[in-house]
Structures are given as structure tokens and as C-alpha cells.
N, C-alpha and C. Protein backbone atom coordinates (compact mmCIF):
# COMPACT_ATOMS: atom_id res chain seq x y z
N MET A 1 50.21 185.96 126.61
CA MET A 1 49.18 184.76 127.57
C MET A 1 49.10 185.22 128.86
N SER A 2 47.78 184.76 129.73
CA SER A 2 47.47 185.23 130.64
C SER A 2 48.28 184.43 131.56
N ILE A 3 47.98 184.48 132.47
CA ILE A 3 48.75 183.92 133.85
C ILE A 3 47.99 182.36 133.80
N VAL A 4 47.03 182.22 133.72
CA VAL A 4 46.42 180.73 133.98
C VAL A 4 46.64 180.26 133.28
N TRP A 5 47.07 180.47 131.52
CA TRP A 5 47.39 179.57 130.71
C TRP A 5 48.71 179.12 131.12
N PHE A 6 49.65 180.01 131.54
CA PHE A 6 51.10 180.23 131.39
C PHE A 6 50.94 178.89 132.64
N LEU A 7 50.51 179.19 133.85
CA LEU A 7 50.42 178.21 134.86
C LEU A 7 50.32 176.73 134.49
N ILE A 8 48.91 176.56 133.78
CA ILE A 8 48.21 175.42 133.21
C ILE A 8 49.84 174.53 132.30
N ILE A 9 50.15 175.53 131.36
CA ILE A 9 51.00 175.18 130.46
C ILE A 9 52.41 174.10 131.26
N GLY A 10 52.77 175.17 132.20
CA GLY A 10 53.68 174.97 133.30
C GLY A 10 53.68 173.36 133.87
N LEU A 11 52.29 173.77 134.54
CA LEU A 11 52.27 172.44 135.25
C LEU A 11 52.42 171.24 134.44
N ILE A 12 51.74 170.97 133.38
CA ILE A 12 51.98 169.57 132.31
C ILE A 12 53.21 169.73 131.87
N ALA A 13 53.64 171.09 131.42
CA ALA A 13 55.62 170.25 131.24
C ALA A 13 56.25 170.30 132.38
N GLY A 14 55.68 170.50 133.49
CA GLY A 14 56.53 169.78 134.47
C GLY A 14 56.62 168.19 134.42
N TRP A 15 55.49 167.92 134.41
CA TRP A 15 54.49 166.53 134.41
C TRP A 15 55.47 165.73 133.41
N LEU A 16 55.36 166.44 132.02
CA LEU A 16 56.07 165.35 131.05
C LEU A 16 57.64 165.55 131.03
N ALA A 17 57.95 166.87 131.52
CA ALA A 17 59.62 166.46 131.63
C ALA A 17 59.90 165.48 132.79
N GLY A 18 58.94 165.48 133.85
CA GLY A 18 59.29 164.22 134.98
C GLY A 18 59.07 163.10 134.24
N GLN A 19 58.36 162.27 133.33
CA GLN A 19 58.29 161.43 132.37
C GLN A 19 59.69 161.06 131.50
N ILE A 20 59.90 162.41 130.80
CA ILE A 20 61.30 162.30 129.93
C ILE A 20 62.57 162.47 130.83
N MET A 21 62.54 162.83 132.31
CA MET A 21 63.93 162.42 132.77
C MET A 21 64.01 161.56 133.63
N LYS A 22 62.99 160.53 133.39
CA LYS A 22 63.26 159.46 134.73
C LYS A 22 64.26 159.34 135.86
N GLY A 23 63.85 159.11 137.15
CA GLY A 23 65.09 158.63 137.81
C GLY A 23 65.72 160.38 138.27
N ARG A 24 65.12 161.45 137.62
CA ARG A 24 65.65 163.25 138.23
C ARG A 24 64.67 163.76 138.69
N GLY A 25 63.79 163.20 138.33
CA GLY A 25 62.35 164.16 139.20
C GLY A 25 62.25 164.56 140.96
N PHE A 26 61.32 165.20 141.24
CA PHE A 26 61.32 165.19 142.41
C PHE A 26 60.21 164.88 142.70
N GLY A 27 59.44 164.08 141.94
CA GLY A 27 57.85 163.83 142.68
C GLY A 27 56.84 164.55 141.75
N LEU A 28 55.46 164.16 141.89
CA LEU A 28 54.54 165.36 141.43
C LEU A 28 54.84 166.76 141.78
N LEU A 29 54.51 167.23 143.28
CA LEU A 29 54.40 168.43 143.01
C LEU A 29 55.58 169.25 142.97
N GLY A 30 56.56 168.47 143.55
CA GLY A 30 58.37 169.57 142.73
C GLY A 30 58.60 169.35 140.90
N ASN A 31 57.65 168.35 140.60
CA ASN A 31 58.03 168.67 138.85
C ASN A 31 56.91 169.60 138.74
N LEU A 32 55.85 169.52 139.19
CA LEU A 32 55.21 170.74 138.96
C LEU A 32 55.57 172.29 138.56
N ILE A 33 56.44 172.42 139.84
CA ILE A 33 56.75 173.48 140.20
C ILE A 33 57.76 173.89 138.99
N VAL A 34 58.76 172.83 139.20
CA VAL A 34 59.86 172.81 138.08
C VAL A 34 59.05 173.35 136.68
N GLY A 35 58.24 172.53 136.44
CA GLY A 35 57.57 172.65 135.01
C GLY A 35 57.28 174.58 135.21
N VAL A 36 56.66 175.33 135.79
CA VAL A 36 56.62 176.39 135.73
C VAL A 36 57.96 177.33 135.67
N ILE A 37 58.84 176.97 136.28
CA ILE A 37 60.07 177.63 136.36
C ILE A 37 60.64 177.14 135.02
N GLY A 38 60.68 175.76 134.51
CA GLY A 38 61.15 175.73 133.42
C GLY A 38 60.74 176.54 132.42
N ALA A 39 59.18 176.88 132.31
CA ALA A 39 58.85 177.85 131.15
C ALA A 39 58.97 179.02 131.03
N LEU A 40 59.50 179.75 132.50
CA LEU A 40 60.13 180.74 132.33
C LEU A 40 61.89 180.42 131.63
N LEU A 41 62.37 179.47 132.03
CA LEU A 41 63.44 179.04 131.18
C LEU A 41 63.74 178.45 130.20
N GLY A 42 62.60 178.33 129.72
CA GLY A 42 62.58 178.11 128.34
C GLY A 42 62.52 179.00 127.26
N GLY A 43 61.34 180.04 127.67
CA GLY A 43 61.21 181.23 127.07
C GLY A 43 62.17 182.06 127.10
N LEU A 44 63.10 182.14 127.69
CA LEU A 44 64.28 183.00 128.09
C LEU A 44 65.50 181.96 126.90
N LEU A 45 65.55 180.77 127.10
CA LEU A 45 66.80 180.29 126.26
C LEU A 45 66.18 180.19 124.78
N PHE A 46 64.68 180.10 124.39
CA PHE A 46 64.35 180.62 123.12
C PHE A 46 64.28 181.97 122.57
N GLY A 47 64.31 182.73 123.71
CA GLY A 47 64.41 184.53 123.28
C GLY A 47 65.33 184.56 122.86
N VAL A 48 66.86 184.55 123.49
CA VAL A 48 68.22 184.42 122.92
C VAL A 48 68.51 183.75 121.54
N LEU A 49 67.98 182.94 121.59
CA LEU A 49 68.31 182.18 120.24
C LEU A 49 67.26 182.71 119.13
N GLY A 50 66.85 183.55 119.77
CA GLY A 50 66.24 184.39 118.62
C GLY A 50 64.69 183.98 118.32
N MET A 51 64.30 182.52 119.03
CA MET A 51 62.76 181.93 118.71
C MET A 51 61.82 182.44 119.05
N SER A 52 60.39 182.44 118.52
CA SER A 52 59.64 182.61 119.66
C SER A 52 58.32 181.73 119.32
N THR A 53 57.45 181.08 119.93
CA THR A 53 56.44 180.63 119.44
C THR A 53 55.26 181.56 119.62
N THR A 54 53.98 180.93 118.82
CA THR A 54 52.83 181.58 118.85
C THR A 54 51.45 180.84 119.00
N ASN A 55 51.38 179.81 119.40
CA ASN A 55 50.23 179.13 120.01
C ASN A 55 50.88 178.07 121.01
N ILE A 56 49.87 177.77 121.39
CA ILE A 56 49.60 176.62 123.06
C ILE A 56 50.64 176.06 123.14
N LEU A 57 50.64 174.79 121.75
CA LEU A 57 51.38 173.62 121.54
C LEU A 57 52.74 174.08 121.29
N GLY A 58 52.94 175.44 120.88
CA GLY A 58 55.08 175.90 120.97
C GLY A 58 55.11 176.22 122.13
N SER A 59 54.34 177.03 122.97
CA SER A 59 54.81 177.21 124.20
C SER A 59 54.78 175.83 125.20
N LEU A 60 53.66 175.23 125.23
CA LEU A 60 54.25 173.71 125.59
C LEU A 60 55.56 173.28 125.16
N VAL A 61 55.86 173.25 123.79
CA VAL A 61 57.07 172.70 123.90
C VAL A 61 58.13 173.54 124.23
N THR A 62 58.29 174.70 124.41
CA THR A 62 58.86 175.57 124.91
C THR A 62 59.35 175.03 126.49
N ALA A 63 58.03 175.05 127.23
CA ALA A 63 58.13 174.90 128.38
C ALA A 63 58.48 173.33 128.75
N VAL A 64 58.52 172.72 127.90
CA VAL A 64 58.62 171.46 128.60
C VAL A 64 60.61 171.44 128.24
N ILE A 65 60.83 171.65 127.23
CA ILE A 65 62.50 171.89 126.76
C ILE A 65 63.17 172.73 128.15
N GLY A 66 62.86 173.63 128.57
CA GLY A 66 63.32 174.35 129.49
C GLY A 66 62.86 173.72 130.75
N ALA A 67 61.59 172.57 131.21
CA ALA A 67 61.85 172.11 132.22
C ALA A 67 62.77 170.95 132.27
N VAL A 68 63.06 170.16 131.17
CA VAL A 68 64.22 169.13 130.69
C VAL A 68 65.60 169.73 131.07
N VAL A 69 65.59 171.30 130.83
CA VAL A 69 66.77 170.99 131.16
C VAL A 69 67.22 171.49 132.30
N LEU A 70 66.29 172.34 132.98
CA LEU A 70 66.40 172.54 134.40
C LEU A 70 66.29 171.46 135.24
N LEU A 71 65.79 170.38 135.06
CA LEU A 71 65.81 169.05 135.69
C LEU A 71 67.04 168.21 135.55
N TYR A 72 67.94 168.72 134.32
CA TYR A 72 69.23 168.27 134.19
C TYR A 72 69.91 168.78 134.98
N ILE A 73 70.12 170.26 135.05
CA ILE A 73 71.32 171.08 135.86
C ILE A 73 71.11 170.89 137.30
N VAL A 74 69.68 170.76 137.40
CA VAL A 74 69.20 170.36 139.59
C VAL A 74 69.82 169.18 139.48
N GLY A 75 69.69 168.22 138.68
CA GLY A 75 70.17 166.56 139.11
C GLY A 75 71.44 166.72 138.91
N LYS A 76 72.22 167.43 138.38
CA LYS A 76 74.06 167.53 138.36
C LYS A 76 74.34 168.21 139.25
N VAL A 77 73.84 169.14 139.98
CA VAL A 77 73.85 170.21 140.91
C VAL A 77 73.65 169.01 142.66
N LYS A 78 72.58 168.56 142.03
CA LYS A 78 72.19 167.73 143.54
C LYS A 78 73.20 166.87 143.77
N LYS A 79 74.00 165.73 142.89
CA LYS A 79 74.64 165.17 142.91
C LYS A 79 75.82 165.11 143.74
N VAL A 80 76.51 167.02 143.36
CA VAL A 80 77.62 167.47 144.17
C VAL A 80 77.96 167.28 145.45
């Protein structure tokens, strides 16, 4: 996947994760950055589970799941 598509999917995933995790976001810009990092995390998580995606929609789902997990973890650490 090209870096441009990766960034676009990560940005969309960050926005979606911010909508899913109401109250745990970091604003629009922060959530977009979290989405890009979450895309990496989602890819890693799915890879460990032996799962892979073959299209843009699957990549978006992977990135959203990774971003939601990341927002959840950061939210828990931020409270401490």
C-alpha cells in the first residue's frame, strides 16, 4: 500500500475512532495522529493473530480497531 493511502486511511481511522470513543479523544488533530499510529498498531495486532486484509475497506477496519485500542490505552494511562 502506498504511503499516501496509508496516511489517508489512518486519518479517516483516527476521526472514526474519535467518534467511537467519545470523551477519550484528543481533538481533531490529535485523533488524526492517533489514527495513523493506530493503523500501525492494528496492522501489528492483526498480524500477530494471523489475519490480513486485502482491500481498502479491510485496511480501514484494521486501522480503526487499532486506533480505538490506542485511544483506550492512552485514556487509561492518562487517568493515572
